[in-house]
Every structure is written in C-alpha cells, then in structure tokens.
Amino acid sequence: MSTDKLINLSYLNEITGGEPEIVKEFIQLFLDQIPEFRDGLQNLLAEKKYKELGELAHKAKSSVMTFGMEDLGIKLKKLQLKTQVLENIDSYPEDVKLFTDLMNQAEKELLEEMEKL
C-alpha cells in the first residue's frame, strides 16, 4: 500500500492554531459526516436523483477541502457541475465510487491522526 497520505491537516492546523482539542473536534465532525456523504451519494445515484447528488457533492467538497483533499474537492465540484446540466450521466457511478474509496482511506487516516493528538 502506498504511504502517500490523502489528508493534509496543515489548513486545519492553521485555522485552529494547532490546538489539539479543536483539531480533534473538527476531525470528529468530519468522521461523523463521512457515512452521510458516502451513503448519501450512493443512494442518490441509485435513485437517479442527480440534482440532489450534485448538492451533496457540493456539501462534501467543502469538508474534503478543509482536510487538504484538493484533488477530490475539484472532482466533487466537477460532479456538481455535471449534475446541474445532467451532463455525462454515465460517469456519475465512477465519480461516486472514487469518492467512496477515498473516503474510506481518509477515514482510516483521520482515525490514526486522532490517536496521535
């Protein structure tokens, strides 16, 4: 497995002043959101609710950007824009799968970070 970290806490440390308790709170909030994002995107995709899929992608984008996942944030923005005009609908499952896989990895990394704090 690659040792490249998906998450980068430098922005989070910057906005919290590196206070471990505050950083932990932010991480916990995000960990609590992951199932909502992951399951929500999968369910909305399955139900072909593409407008809502885009809205949830937008909501998730802000959170992933806070944790330094710039590439994923950009991909979520693209998904959001595609859903607004129902463009390339056949690419949505791939986008959602990528998000799901990356969220699983981010969740593991964040749990490891929590233990260090």
N, C-alpha and C. Protein backbone atom coordinates (compact mmCIF):
# COMPACT_ATOMS: atom_id res chain seq x y z
N MET A 1 0.84 -1.20 0.00
CA MET A 1 0.00 0.00 0.00
C MET A 1 0.88 1.26 0.00
N SER A 2 0.42 2.27 -0.67
CA SER A 2 1.19 3.50 -0.78
C SER A 2 1.21 4.24 0.56
N THR A 3 2.31 4.93 0.79
CA THR A 3 2.44 5.67 2.05
C THR A 3 1.97 7.10 1.87
N ASP A 4 1.56 7.46 0.67
CA ASP A 4 1.06 8.81 0.44
C ASP A 4 -0.20 9.03 1.25
N LYS A 5 -0.19 10.12 1.99
CA LYS A 5 -1.37 10.46 2.78
C LYS A 5 -2.37 11.18 1.89
N LEU A 6 -3.60 10.85 2.08
CA LEU A 6 -4.68 11.52 1.35
C LEU A 6 -4.99 12.85 2.03
N ILE A 7 -5.00 12.82 3.35
CA ILE A 7 -5.35 14.04 4.09
C ILE A 7 -4.11 14.87 4.37
N ASN A 8 -4.34 16.16 4.52
CA ASN A 8 -3.28 17.09 4.88
C ASN A 8 -3.90 18.05 5.88
N LEU A 9 -3.39 18.01 7.10
CA LEU A 9 -4.02 18.80 8.17
C LEU A 9 -3.44 20.21 8.32
N SER A 10 -2.59 20.64 7.36
CA SER A 10 -1.95 21.95 7.55
C SER A 10 -2.98 23.09 7.57
N TYR A 11 -3.97 23.05 6.69
CA TYR A 11 -5.00 24.10 6.70
C TYR A 11 -5.78 24.06 8.01
N LEU A 12 -6.14 22.86 8.43
CA LEU A 12 -6.89 22.70 9.68
C LEU A 12 -6.06 23.22 10.87
N ASN A 13 -4.78 22.89 10.89
CA ASN A 13 -3.91 23.38 11.96
C ASN A 13 -3.80 24.91 11.92
N GLU A 14 -3.80 25.44 10.71
CA GLU A 14 -3.71 26.90 10.54
C GLU A 14 -4.95 27.58 11.13
N ILE A 15 -6.15 27.08 10.79
CA ILE A 15 -7.37 27.76 11.24
C ILE A 15 -7.67 27.49 12.71
N THR A 16 -7.08 26.44 13.29
CA THR A 16 -7.34 26.14 14.70
C THR A 16 -6.18 26.57 15.60
N GLY A 17 -5.14 27.10 14.99
CA GLY A 17 -3.95 27.46 15.77
C GLY A 17 -3.24 26.21 16.28
N GLY A 18 -3.54 25.07 15.67
CA GLY A 18 -2.89 23.81 16.05
C GLY A 18 -3.33 23.27 17.40
N GLU A 19 -4.43 23.80 17.94
CA GLU A 19 -4.94 23.33 19.24
C GLU A 19 -5.46 21.90 19.10
N PRO A 20 -4.81 20.93 19.77
CA PRO A 20 -5.21 19.53 19.59
C PRO A 20 -6.69 19.25 19.83
N GLU A 21 -7.27 19.87 20.85
CA GLU A 21 -8.68 19.60 21.16
C GLU A 21 -9.61 20.10 20.05
N ILE A 22 -9.28 21.27 19.50
CA ILE A 22 -10.11 21.83 18.42
C ILE A 22 -9.92 21.00 17.15
N VAL A 23 -8.67 20.62 16.87
CA VAL A 23 -8.40 19.78 15.70
C VAL A 23 -9.19 18.48 15.82
N LYS A 24 -9.18 17.89 17.02
CA LYS A 24 -9.94 16.65 17.26
C LYS A 24 -11.43 16.85 16.99
N GLU A 25 -11.95 17.99 17.42
CA GLU A 25 -13.38 18.26 17.21
C GLU A 25 -13.71 18.33 15.73
N PHE A 26 -12.85 19.02 14.96
CA PHE A 26 -13.06 19.12 13.51
C PHE A 26 -12.99 17.74 12.87
N ILE A 27 -12.00 16.96 13.27
CA ILE A 27 -11.85 15.61 12.71
C ILE A 27 -13.09 14.78 13.04
N GLN A 28 -13.55 14.87 14.28
CA GLN A 28 -14.72 14.08 14.68
C GLN A 28 -15.97 14.50 13.89
N LEU A 29 -16.13 15.80 13.70
CA LEU A 29 -17.26 16.28 12.90
C LEU A 29 -17.22 15.68 11.49
N PHE A 30 -16.03 15.68 10.89
CA PHE A 30 -15.88 15.15 9.54
C PHE A 30 -16.11 13.64 9.53
N LEU A 31 -15.56 12.95 10.52
CA LEU A 31 -15.77 11.49 10.61
C LEU A 31 -17.28 11.18 10.71
N ASP A 32 -18.00 12.03 11.44
CA ASP A 32 -19.45 11.84 11.57
C ASP A 32 -20.18 12.08 10.25
N GLN A 33 -19.60 12.94 9.40
CA GLN A 33 -20.22 13.28 8.12
C GLN A 33 -19.93 12.23 7.04
N ILE A 34 -18.82 11.53 7.16
CA ILE A 34 -18.41 10.61 6.10
C ILE A 34 -19.51 9.62 5.71
N PRO A 35 -20.13 8.92 6.67
CA PRO A 35 -21.19 7.98 6.27
C PRO A 35 -22.34 8.67 5.54
N GLU A 36 -22.70 9.87 5.99
CA GLU A 36 -23.78 10.63 5.35
C GLU A 36 -23.41 10.93 3.89
N PHE A 37 -22.18 11.38 3.68
CA PHE A 37 -21.73 11.68 2.32
C PHE A 37 -21.66 10.41 1.47
N ARG A 38 -20.98 9.40 2.02
CA ARG A 38 -20.72 8.17 1.28
C ARG A 38 -22.04 7.46 0.92
N ASP A 39 -22.87 7.23 1.94
CA ASP A 39 -24.13 6.53 1.71
C ASP A 39 -25.09 7.39 0.91
N GLY A 40 -25.09 8.68 1.22
CA GLY A 40 -25.98 9.60 0.52
C GLY A 40 -25.70 9.64 -0.96
N LEU A 41 -24.44 9.76 -1.34
CA LEU A 41 -24.09 9.81 -2.76
C LEU A 41 -24.49 8.50 -3.45
N GLN A 42 -24.20 7.38 -2.79
CA GLN A 42 -24.55 6.08 -3.38
C GLN A 42 -26.06 5.93 -3.53
N ASN A 43 -26.81 6.32 -2.52
CA ASN A 43 -28.28 6.19 -2.57
C ASN A 43 -28.89 7.12 -3.62
N LEU A 44 -28.42 8.37 -3.65
CA LEU A 44 -28.96 9.32 -4.63
C LEU A 44 -28.65 8.87 -6.05
N LEU A 45 -27.46 8.31 -6.24
CA LEU A 45 -27.09 7.79 -7.55
C LEU A 45 -28.02 6.64 -7.94
N ALA A 46 -28.23 5.71 -7.01
CA ALA A 46 -29.08 4.55 -7.26
C ALA A 46 -30.51 4.98 -7.58
N GLU A 47 -30.94 6.07 -6.92
CA GLU A 47 -32.31 6.55 -7.13
C GLU A 47 -32.41 7.53 -8.30
N LYS A 48 -31.26 7.77 -8.95
CA LYS A 48 -31.19 8.70 -10.09
C LYS A 48 -31.67 10.11 -9.72
N LYS A 49 -31.39 10.50 -8.48
CA LYS A 49 -31.73 11.86 -8.03
C LYS A 49 -30.48 12.72 -8.23
N TYR A 50 -30.26 13.09 -9.49
CA TYR A 50 -28.99 13.72 -9.85
C TYR A 50 -28.83 15.14 -9.31
N LYS A 51 -29.93 15.89 -9.21
CA LYS A 51 -29.83 17.25 -8.67
C LYS A 51 -29.36 17.18 -7.21
N GLU A 52 -29.98 16.28 -6.43
CA GLU A 52 -29.61 16.11 -5.03
C GLU A 52 -28.19 15.55 -4.91
N LEU A 53 -27.82 14.69 -5.84
CA LEU A 53 -26.45 14.14 -5.87
C LEU A 53 -25.44 15.29 -5.98
N GLY A 54 -25.73 16.22 -6.88
CA GLY A 54 -24.85 17.38 -7.06
C GLY A 54 -24.79 18.26 -5.83
N GLU A 55 -25.94 18.42 -5.17
CA GLU A 55 -25.98 19.25 -3.96
C GLU A 55 -25.16 18.61 -2.84
N LEU A 56 -25.25 17.29 -2.72
CA LEU A 56 -24.47 16.61 -1.68
C LEU A 56 -22.98 16.63 -2.03
N ALA A 57 -22.67 16.52 -3.31
CA ALA A 57 -21.26 16.62 -3.74
C ALA A 57 -20.70 17.99 -3.36
N HIS A 58 -21.52 19.02 -3.52
CA HIS A 58 -21.10 20.38 -3.15
C HIS A 58 -20.83 20.48 -1.65
N LYS A 59 -21.73 19.91 -0.87
CA LYS A 59 -21.58 19.94 0.59
C LYS A 59 -20.31 19.18 1.01
N ALA A 60 -20.08 18.03 0.39
CA ALA A 60 -18.91 17.22 0.72
C ALA A 60 -17.62 17.93 0.31
N LYS A 61 -17.68 18.68 -0.78
CA LYS A 61 -16.48 19.37 -1.30
C LYS A 61 -15.88 20.28 -0.24
N SER A 62 -16.71 21.06 0.43
CA SER A 62 -16.20 21.98 1.45
C SER A 62 -15.46 21.22 2.54
N SER A 63 -16.04 20.11 2.96
CA SER A 63 -15.43 19.32 4.03
C SER A 63 -14.11 18.70 3.60
N VAL A 64 -14.06 18.11 2.40
CA VAL A 64 -12.82 17.45 2.00
C VAL A 64 -11.70 18.47 1.78
N MET A 65 -12.07 19.67 1.32
CA MET A 65 -11.06 20.71 1.11
C MET A 65 -10.43 21.12 2.44
N THR A 66 -11.23 21.16 3.50
CA THR A 66 -10.71 21.52 4.82
C THR A 66 -9.61 20.56 5.25
N PHE A 67 -9.72 19.31 4.80
CA PHE A 67 -8.74 18.30 5.18
C PHE A 67 -7.67 18.08 4.11
N GLY A 68 -7.50 19.08 3.25
CA GLY A 68 -6.40 19.07 2.30
C GLY A 68 -6.57 18.13 1.12
N MET A 69 -7.78 17.67 0.86
CA MET A 69 -8.00 16.77 -0.28
C MET A 69 -8.44 17.59 -1.49
N GLU A 70 -7.48 18.37 -1.99
CA GLU A 70 -7.76 19.31 -3.09
C GLU A 70 -8.28 18.59 -4.33
N ASP A 71 -7.60 17.52 -4.73
CA ASP A 71 -7.98 16.80 -5.96
C ASP A 71 -9.41 16.29 -5.86
N LEU A 72 -9.74 15.73 -4.71
CA LEU A 72 -11.09 15.21 -4.51
C LEU A 72 -12.10 16.36 -4.53
N GLY A 73 -11.73 17.48 -3.93
CA GLY A 73 -12.61 18.65 -3.94
C GLY A 73 -12.91 19.11 -5.36
N ILE A 74 -11.88 19.11 -6.20
CA ILE A 74 -12.05 19.52 -7.60
C ILE A 74 -12.96 18.52 -8.33
N LYS A 75 -12.77 17.23 -8.05
CA LYS A 75 -13.61 16.21 -8.69
C LYS A 75 -15.06 16.33 -8.25
N LEU A 76 -15.28 16.64 -6.97
CA LEU A 76 -16.65 16.83 -6.47
C LEU A 76 -17.29 18.05 -7.12
N LYS A 77 -16.50 19.10 -7.31
CA LYS A 77 -17.01 20.31 -7.97
C LYS A 77 -17.42 19.97 -9.41
N LYS A 78 -16.60 19.18 -10.10
CA LYS A 78 -16.93 18.78 -11.47
C LYS A 78 -18.20 17.95 -11.50
N LEU A 79 -18.34 17.04 -10.53
CA LEU A 79 -19.56 16.23 -10.44
C LEU A 79 -20.77 17.13 -10.22
N GLN A 80 -20.61 18.08 -9.32
CA GLN A 80 -21.70 19.02 -9.03
C GLN A 80 -22.11 19.76 -10.31
N LEU A 81 -21.14 20.25 -11.04
CA LEU A 81 -21.44 21.00 -12.27
C LEU A 81 -22.09 20.09 -13.32
N LYS A 82 -21.62 18.86 -13.41
CA LYS A 82 -22.20 17.92 -14.38
C LYS A 82 -23.67 17.64 -14.04
N THR A 83 -23.97 17.50 -12.74
CA THR A 83 -25.35 17.17 -12.36
C THR A 83 -26.29 18.34 -12.60
N GLN A 84 -25.77 19.56 -12.56
CA GLN A 84 -26.64 20.73 -12.76
C GLN A 84 -27.20 20.76 -14.18
N VAL A 85 -26.43 20.20 -15.14
CA VAL A 85 -26.89 20.21 -16.53
C VAL A 85 -27.12 18.79 -17.05
N LEU A 86 -27.09 17.81 -16.11
CA LEU A 86 -27.26 16.40 -16.45
C LEU A 86 -26.34 15.96 -17.59
N GLU A 87 -25.08 16.32 -17.43
CA GLU A 87 -24.06 16.01 -18.43
C GLU A 87 -23.33 14.72 -18.05
N ASN A 88 -22.99 13.90 -19.03
CA ASN A 88 -22.21 12.67 -18.81
C ASN A 88 -22.74 11.83 -17.65
N ILE A 89 -24.03 11.58 -17.65
CA ILE A 89 -24.65 10.84 -16.54
C ILE A 89 -23.97 9.49 -16.33
N ASP A 90 -23.47 8.88 -17.41
CA ASP A 90 -22.83 7.57 -17.28
C ASP A 90 -21.50 7.63 -16.53
N SER A 91 -20.98 8.83 -16.27
CA SER A 91 -19.73 8.96 -15.50
C SER A 91 -19.99 9.09 -14.00
N TYR A 92 -21.24 9.32 -13.59
CA TYR A 92 -21.54 9.54 -12.17
C TYR A 92 -21.16 8.34 -11.30
N PRO A 93 -21.46 7.09 -11.74
CA PRO A 93 -21.11 5.95 -10.87
C PRO A 93 -19.61 5.89 -10.58
N GLU A 94 -18.80 6.18 -11.59
CA GLU A 94 -17.34 6.18 -11.40
C GLU A 94 -16.93 7.28 -10.41
N ASP A 95 -17.55 8.45 -10.53
CA ASP A 95 -17.25 9.56 -9.61
C ASP A 95 -17.60 9.19 -8.17
N VAL A 96 -18.76 8.57 -8.01
CA VAL A 96 -19.22 8.19 -6.67
C VAL A 96 -18.34 7.09 -6.09
N LYS A 97 -17.92 6.13 -6.93
CA LYS A 97 -17.05 5.06 -6.46
C LYS A 97 -15.70 5.63 -6.01
N LEU A 98 -15.15 6.54 -6.78
CA LEU A 98 -13.88 7.17 -6.41
C LEU A 98 -14.02 7.87 -5.06
N PHE A 99 -15.09 8.63 -4.91
CA PHE A 99 -15.33 9.34 -3.66
C PHE A 99 -15.41 8.35 -2.50
N THR A 100 -16.17 7.27 -2.69
CA THR A 100 -16.35 6.26 -1.65
C THR A 100 -15.00 5.65 -1.25
N ASP A 101 -14.20 5.27 -2.25
CA ASP A 101 -12.89 4.68 -1.97
C ASP A 101 -12.00 5.66 -1.20
N LEU A 102 -11.98 6.90 -1.64
CA LEU A 102 -11.13 7.90 -0.99
C LEU A 102 -11.62 8.23 0.41
N MET A 103 -12.93 8.23 0.61
CA MET A 103 -13.47 8.49 1.95
C MET A 103 -13.09 7.36 2.91
N ASN A 104 -13.09 6.14 2.42
CA ASN A 104 -12.68 5.02 3.27
C ASN A 104 -11.23 5.19 3.70
N GLN A 105 -10.38 5.61 2.77
CA GLN A 105 -8.97 5.85 3.09
C GLN A 105 -8.82 7.03 4.05
N ALA A 106 -9.54 8.12 3.77
CA ALA A 106 -9.46 9.31 4.62
C ALA A 106 -9.91 8.99 6.04
N GLU A 107 -10.95 8.17 6.15
CA GLU A 107 -11.47 7.80 7.46
C GLU A 107 -10.39 7.09 8.27
N LYS A 108 -9.69 6.14 7.65
CA LYS A 108 -8.60 5.42 8.34
C LYS A 108 -7.51 6.39 8.79
N GLU A 109 -7.11 7.29 7.88
CA GLU A 109 -6.05 8.24 8.20
C GLU A 109 -6.45 9.17 9.34
N LEU A 110 -7.69 9.62 9.31
CA LEU A 110 -8.14 10.55 10.36
C LEU A 110 -8.23 9.86 11.71
N LEU A 111 -8.64 8.60 11.72
CA LEU A 111 -8.68 7.86 12.98
C LEU A 111 -7.26 7.70 13.54
N GLU A 112 -6.28 7.48 12.66
CA GLU A 112 -4.88 7.40 13.10
C GLU A 112 -4.44 8.74 13.67
N GLU A 113 -4.81 9.83 13.00
CA GLU A 113 -4.43 11.17 13.47
C GLU A 113 -5.03 11.44 14.84
N MET A 114 -6.27 11.03 15.04
CA MET A 114 -6.96 11.25 16.33
C MET A 114 -6.19 10.59 17.45
N GLU A 115 -5.64 9.41 17.18
CA GLU A 115 -4.89 8.70 18.24
C GLU A 115 -3.60 9.42 18.59
N LYS A 116 -3.04 10.16 17.63
CA LYS A 116 -1.78 10.88 17.87
C LYS A 116 -2.01 12.16 18.67
N LEU A 117 -3.22 12.72 18.57
CA LEU A 117 -3.49 14.03 19.20
C LEU A 117 -3.70 13.91 20.72
